[in-house]
Amino acid sequence: MNTTKIGWIGLGNMGIPMATQLIEAGYEVNVYNRSKAKEGTLKEMGALLAETPKDLIAQTDVVFVMVSDDAAIEAIFNGTNGILSAEVVGKTIINMSTVSPSISREMARACATKGHHYLDAPVSGSVKQAETGQLVIMVGGDEIAFDEVKPILEKLGKLAVRVGDTGAGNSAKLAINSLLALYAQGLAETVVFANAQGIKTEDLLNLINNAAIGNIFTKIKGDAIVADQYQAAFALKHIVKDLNLAKAEGISSPLAKTALQTFESASVRYGEEDIIAVIKEVKAE
């Protein structure tokens, strides 16, 4: 049994399998989620349940946060019974959410006034990688704090790299997710064009995935297109959020502008479906 006590806030598609990895690695894990129904699976595995973020940080050493956006971070940290309302010091708080660099810098300053360390540590990868501990983790923040928690991060991912000071992890994730959007739209447009020329989707994807341009993304999302199955591993609405965050940080290239326009339009009807449901929007154009 590892002696470090872990807190986990946020049990969405990624949070549950990631917290599971830590339980299976022998950590005592205390979880909090606004929707209590999602806590059941982890409770059955031995996780403890906290009533509030304030209670959770008081009972743990390292707290992971994995929620949807800046507003959720603000509530978790500064809300009634939030993390920072607890009269404790010396905790390490690892924010794995895909949020703005500015919210991380704000929370890092607030944590420092309470005697806590803050790291932004978003991940690249989807549910399958979370379930197998194969995520890629990009971290911003204090180097010593990172070194101390790196062994824990390595239970969640195949690679954990500090890329700079506070906010750098968020910036790296926004760059990667901008490329993700371009991949998704590019794959969708390629399939639609090939179909219009009488080429079967299966044959096209077989060619792509055996060529230099093939990758894990084209394989997984190509399978989803063939199956006409768009249950969200990464919801399309979230890439809209991320592209807008990247825009706010200064990305203004022609491809980024086009992707944001396409995904914002697609999100009206397909926001709750997987990112590759953008193919439906492309077909409709």
Protein backbone atom coordinates (compact mmCIF):
# COMPACT_ATOMS: atom_id res chain seq x y z
CA MET A 1 0.00 0.00 0.00
CA ASN A 2 1.43 3.40 -1.00
CA THR A 3 1.41 5.78 1.93
CA THR A 4 0.58 8.93 -0.05
CA LYS A 5 -3.13 9.62 0.25
CA ILE A 6 -4.74 10.68 -3.01
CA GLY A 7 -7.79 12.87 -3.52
CA TRP A 8 -9.65 12.83 -6.83
CA ILE A 9 -12.20 15.46 -7.90
CA GLY A 10 -14.17 14.91 -11.10
CA LEU A 11 -15.50 11.56 -12.28
CA GLY A 12 -16.26 12.03 -15.95
CA ASN A 13 -15.28 9.78 -18.85
CA MET A 14 -11.60 10.23 -17.99
CA GLY A 15 -11.75 10.70 -14.23
CA ILE A 16 -13.17 7.29 -13.40
CA PRO A 17 -10.57 5.19 -15.26
CA MET A 18 -7.73 7.43 -14.07
CA ALA A 19 -8.76 7.20 -10.43
CA THR A 20 -9.13 3.45 -10.95
CA GLN A 21 -5.50 3.26 -12.06
CA LEU A 22 -4.39 4.80 -8.76
CA ILE A 23 -6.56 2.48 -6.68
CA GLU A 24 -5.14 -0.51 -8.53
CA ALA A 25 -1.62 0.85 -7.93
CA GLY A 26 -2.26 0.57 -4.19
CA TYR A 27 -3.02 4.17 -3.27
CA GLU A 28 -5.71 5.13 -0.81
CA VAL A 29 -8.03 7.27 -2.94
CA ASN A 30 -10.68 9.63 -1.65
CA VAL A 31 -13.08 10.89 -4.32
CA TYR A 32 -15.53 13.76 -4.73
CA ASN A 33 -17.97 14.34 -7.56
CA ARG A 34 -20.95 16.68 -7.81
CA SER A 35 -23.06 13.83 -9.21
CA LYS A 36 -22.91 11.22 -6.46
CA ALA A 37 -24.19 8.46 -8.76
CA LYS A 38 -20.77 8.33 -10.44
CA GLU A 39 -18.97 7.52 -7.18
CA GLY A 40 -20.45 4.03 -6.82
CA THR A 41 -18.01 2.12 -9.02
CA LEU A 42 -14.98 3.52 -7.23
CA LYS A 43 -16.56 2.97 -3.81
CA GLU A 44 -16.93 -0.70 -4.69
CA MET A 45 -13.20 -0.76 -5.48
CA GLY A 46 -12.38 0.62 -2.05
CA ALA A 47 -12.33 4.38 -2.62
CA LEU A 48 -13.39 6.65 0.22
CA LEU A 49 -16.02 9.30 -0.45
CA ALA A 50 -15.74 12.96 0.53
CA GLU A 51 -18.78 15.17 1.03
CA THR A 52 -17.05 18.32 -0.24
CA PRO A 53 -13.74 19.39 -1.81
CA LYS A 54 -12.94 21.00 1.54
CA ASP A 55 -13.29 17.65 3.30
CA LEU A 56 -11.31 15.87 0.60
CA ILE A 57 -8.18 18.05 0.78
CA ALA A 58 -8.16 17.79 4.58
CA GLN A 59 -7.97 14.00 4.32
CA THR A 60 -5.37 13.67 1.54
CA ASP A 61 -1.84 14.63 0.54
CA VAL A 62 -2.12 15.03 -3.23
CA VAL A 63 -5.35 16.20 -4.88
CA PHE A 64 -6.13 15.63 -8.55
CA VAL A 65 -8.77 17.75 -10.28
CA MET A 66 -10.29 16.65 -13.60
CA VAL A 67 -13.28 18.80 -14.53
CA SER A 68 -14.70 20.42 -17.65
CA ASP A 69 -13.76 24.09 -17.78
CA ASP A 70 -12.56 27.28 -16.10
CA ALA A 71 -15.89 27.86 -14.37
CA ALA A 72 -15.78 24.41 -12.79
CA ILE A 73 -12.21 25.07 -11.59
CA GLU A 74 -13.29 28.35 -10.02
CA ALA A 75 -16.09 26.53 -8.16
CA ILE A 76 -13.90 23.66 -7.00
CA PHE A 77 -11.18 25.94 -5.66
CA ASN A 78 -13.05 29.03 -4.47
CA GLY A 79 -16.66 27.96 -4.06
CA THR A 80 -18.45 27.27 -0.80
CA ASN A 81 -16.60 24.34 0.81
CA GLY A 82 -14.02 24.55 -1.98
CA ILE A 83 -10.47 23.28 -1.78
CA LEU A 84 -9.05 26.59 -0.62
CA SER A 85 -11.58 26.99 2.19
CA ALA A 86 -9.88 24.21 4.19
CA GLU A 87 -7.53 25.27 6.99
CA VAL A 88 -4.69 23.00 5.88
CA VAL A 89 -1.24 23.61 4.39
CA GLY A 90 1.40 21.77 2.39
CA LYS A 91 -0.80 19.92 -0.08
CA THR A 92 -0.03 19.37 -3.78
CA ILE A 93 -2.91 20.09 -6.12
CA ILE A 94 -2.66 18.75 -9.66
CA ASN A 95 -5.13 20.21 -12.12
CA MET A 96 -5.47 17.78 -15.03
CA SER A 97 -8.36 19.65 -16.65
CA THR A 98 -8.07 21.23 -20.08
CA VAL A 99 -8.46 24.87 -19.07
CA SER A 100 -6.87 28.23 -19.77
CA PRO A 101 -3.30 29.02 -18.74
CA SER A 102 -4.64 32.14 -17.02
CA ILE A 103 -6.92 30.18 -14.65
CA SER A 104 -3.95 28.02 -13.71
CA ARG A 105 -1.81 31.04 -12.92
CA GLU A 106 -4.66 32.46 -10.83
CA MET A 107 -5.16 29.20 -8.92
CA ALA A 108 -1.42 28.73 -8.44
CA ARG A 109 -1.19 32.14 -6.76
CA ALA A 110 -4.18 31.34 -4.57
CA CYS A 111 -2.72 27.96 -3.62
CA ALA A 112 0.61 29.54 -2.72
CA THR A 113 -1.07 31.90 -0.26
CA LYS A 114 -2.45 28.79 1.47
CA GLY A 115 0.92 27.02 1.49
CA HIS A 116 0.04 24.54 -1.27
CA HIS A 117 1.82 23.56 -4.48
CA TYR A 118 -0.12 23.76 -7.76
CA LEU A 119 0.66 21.96 -10.99
CA ASP A 120 -1.27 22.13 -14.25
CA ALA A 121 -1.05 18.68 -15.82
CA PRO A 122 -3.53 18.09 -18.66
CA VAL A 123 -3.37 14.86 -20.62
CA SER A 124 -3.30 13.76 -24.23
CA GLY A 125 -5.23 10.58 -24.88
CA SER A 126 -8.77 9.34 -24.61
CA VAL A 127 -10.72 6.83 -22.53
CA LYS A 128 -8.81 3.79 -23.82
CA GLN A 129 -5.46 5.32 -22.86
CA ALA A 130 -6.88 6.30 -19.46
CA GLU A 131 -8.03 2.73 -18.86
CA THR A 132 -4.58 1.33 -19.65
CA GLY A 133 -2.40 4.00 -18.04
CA GLN A 134 -1.02 5.10 -21.40
CA LEU A 135 -1.80 8.81 -21.31
CA VAL A 136 0.73 11.53 -22.15
CA ILE A 137 0.90 14.14 -19.38
CA MET A 138 2.24 17.67 -19.88
CA VAL A 139 3.01 19.62 -16.73
CA GLY A 140 3.52 23.25 -15.83
CA GLY A 141 4.75 24.42 -12.44
CA ASP A 142 7.51 24.10 -9.88
CA GLU A 143 10.16 21.54 -10.84
CA ILE A 144 10.64 20.20 -7.31
CA ALA A 145 6.89 19.70 -6.84
CA PHE A 146 6.76 17.91 -10.19
CA ASP A 147 9.64 15.59 -9.28
CA GLU A 148 7.88 14.66 -6.04
CA VAL A 149 4.65 13.59 -7.73
CA LYS A 150 6.12 12.20 -10.96
CA PRO A 151 5.95 8.58 -9.67
CA ILE A 152 2.19 9.03 -9.18
CA LEU A 153 1.77 10.58 -12.62
CA GLU A 154 3.61 7.62 -14.11
CA LYS A 155 0.82 5.35 -12.85
CA LEU A 156 -1.55 7.32 -15.07
CA GLY A 157 0.53 7.79 -18.20
CA LYS A 158 3.36 6.39 -20.27
CA LEU A 159 5.01 9.82 -20.34
CA ALA A 160 4.94 12.71 -17.85
CA VAL A 161 7.00 15.75 -18.86
CA ARG A 162 7.39 19.16 -17.23
CA VAL A 163 7.26 21.66 -20.10
CA GLY A 164 7.66 24.91 -18.16
CA ASP A 165 6.29 27.11 -15.43
CA THR A 166 2.65 27.43 -14.36
CA GLY A 167 0.31 27.44 -17.34
CA ALA A 168 2.78 25.79 -19.71
CA GLY A 169 1.01 22.45 -19.43
CA ASN A 170 -2.27 24.10 -20.40
CA SER A 171 -0.62 25.86 -23.34
CA ALA A 172 0.88 22.60 -24.59
CA LYS A 173 -2.52 20.90 -24.35
CA LEU A 174 -4.23 23.66 -26.31
CA ALA A 175 -1.60 23.31 -29.03
CA ILE A 176 -2.13 19.55 -29.18
CA ASN A 177 -5.92 19.84 -29.20
CA SER A 178 -5.73 22.38 -32.00
CA LEU A 179 -3.93 19.73 -34.03
CA LEU A 180 -6.54 17.19 -32.91
CA ALA A 181 -9.26 19.37 -34.42
CA LEU A 182 -7.35 19.62 -37.68
CA TYR A 183 -6.88 15.83 -37.74
CA ALA A 184 -10.58 15.23 -37.16
CA GLN A 185 -11.79 17.69 -39.76
CA GLY A 186 -9.14 16.56 -42.24
CA LEU A 187 -10.09 12.90 -41.84
CA ALA A 188 -13.78 13.73 -42.20
CA GLU A 189 -13.23 15.79 -45.36
CA THR A 190 -10.99 13.09 -46.86
CA VAL A 191 -13.57 10.36 -46.31
CA VAL A 192 -16.40 12.47 -47.73
CA PHE A 193 -14.35 13.37 -50.82
CA ALA A 194 -13.31 9.76 -51.43
CA ASN A 195 -16.88 8.53 -51.04
CA ALA A 196 -17.99 11.07 -53.64
CA GLN A 197 -15.50 9.48 -56.04
CA GLY A 198 -16.97 6.03 -55.43
CA ILE A 199 -14.26 4.84 -53.02
CA LYS A 200 -15.47 2.80 -50.06
CA THR A 201 -14.67 4.15 -46.62
CA GLU A 202 -13.16 0.81 -45.55
CA ASP A 203 -10.80 0.75 -48.54
CA LEU A 204 -9.70 4.33 -48.01
CA LEU A 205 -9.00 3.78 -44.31
CA ASN A 206 -7.06 0.62 -45.08
CA LEU A 207 -4.82 2.69 -47.35
CA ILE A 208 -4.45 5.53 -44.84
CA ASN A 209 -3.65 3.30 -41.90
CA ASN A 210 -0.95 1.46 -43.84
CA ALA A 211 0.61 4.66 -45.13
CA ALA A 212 2.94 7.16 -43.50
CA ILE A 213 -0.01 9.43 -42.67
CA GLY A 214 -1.76 6.77 -40.59
CA ASN A 215 -1.79 7.06 -36.80
CA ILE A 216 -3.72 5.88 -33.75
CA PHE A 217 -6.26 8.67 -34.19
CA THR A 218 -7.07 7.81 -37.80
CA LYS A 219 -7.41 4.15 -36.83
CA ILE A 220 -9.77 4.68 -33.88
CA LYS A 221 -11.86 7.42 -35.47
CA GLY A 222 -11.87 5.64 -38.82
CA ASP A 223 -13.38 2.62 -37.09
CA ALA A 224 -16.04 4.90 -35.59
CA ILE A 225 -16.91 6.29 -39.02
CA VAL A 226 -17.19 2.80 -40.53
CA ALA A 227 -19.39 1.65 -37.64
CA ASP A 228 -21.41 4.88 -37.80
CA GLN A 229 -20.89 5.00 -34.03
CA TYR A 230 -20.37 8.41 -32.46
CA GLN A 231 -20.75 7.83 -28.73
CA ALA A 232 -18.46 10.38 -27.16
CA ALA A 233 -15.00 9.38 -26.02
CA PHE A 234 -14.16 13.07 -26.42
CA ALA A 235 -17.30 15.13 -26.93
CA LEU A 236 -17.34 17.46 -29.89
CA LYS A 237 -18.50 20.35 -27.68
CA HIS A 238 -15.23 20.13 -25.75
CA ILE A 239 -13.08 20.76 -28.83
CA VAL A 240 -15.09 23.94 -29.39
CA LYS A 241 -14.17 25.04 -25.87
CA ASP A 242 -10.51 24.19 -26.44
CA LEU A 243 -10.32 25.95 -29.82
CA ASN A 244 -11.81 29.06 -28.24
CA LEU A 245 -9.26 28.87 -25.42
CA ALA A 246 -6.47 28.58 -28.00
CA LYS A 247 -7.94 31.54 -29.88
CA ALA A 248 -7.89 33.58 -26.67
CA GLU A 249 -4.21 32.69 -26.26
CA GLY A 250 -3.42 34.01 -29.73
CA ILE A 251 -3.76 31.23 -32.29
CA SER A 252 -5.08 32.84 -35.46
CA SER A 253 -3.86 30.68 -38.34
CA PRO A 254 -6.16 30.00 -41.32
CA LEU A 255 -6.58 26.32 -40.40
CA ALA A 256 -7.37 27.11 -36.77
CA LYS A 257 -9.98 29.70 -37.78
CA THR A 258 -11.62 27.26 -40.21
CA ALA A 259 -11.66 24.44 -37.65
CA LEU A 260 -13.29 26.65 -35.02
CA GLN A 261 -15.97 27.72 -37.50
CA THR A 262 -16.66 24.11 -38.53
CA PHE A 263 -16.82 22.70 -35.02
CA GLU A 264 -18.92 25.54 -33.66
CA SER A 265 -21.44 24.86 -36.43
CA ALA A 266 -21.30 21.10 -35.83
CA SER A 267 -21.74 21.54 -32.09
CA VAL A 268 -25.29 22.86 -32.52
CA ARG A 269 -26.51 19.37 -33.49
CA TYR A 270 -23.67 17.05 -32.60
CA GLY A 271 -22.06 18.61 -29.52
CA GLU A 272 -22.75 15.63 -27.26
CA GLU A 273 -21.40 13.14 -29.78
CA ASP A 274 -17.75 12.25 -30.40
CA ILE A 275 -15.40 14.71 -32.06
CA ILE A 276 -15.41 12.68 -35.28
CA ALA A 277 -19.15 13.30 -35.64
CA VAL A 278 -17.88 16.42 -37.42
CA ILE A 279 -18.14 14.21 -40.53
CA LYS A 280 -21.90 14.73 -40.37
CA GLU A 281 -21.36 18.48 -40.62
CA VAL A 282 -18.92 18.06 -43.48
CA LYS A 283 -21.39 15.87 -45.37
CA ALA A 284 -24.09 18.49 -44.94
CA GLU A 285 -22.01 21.33 -46.36
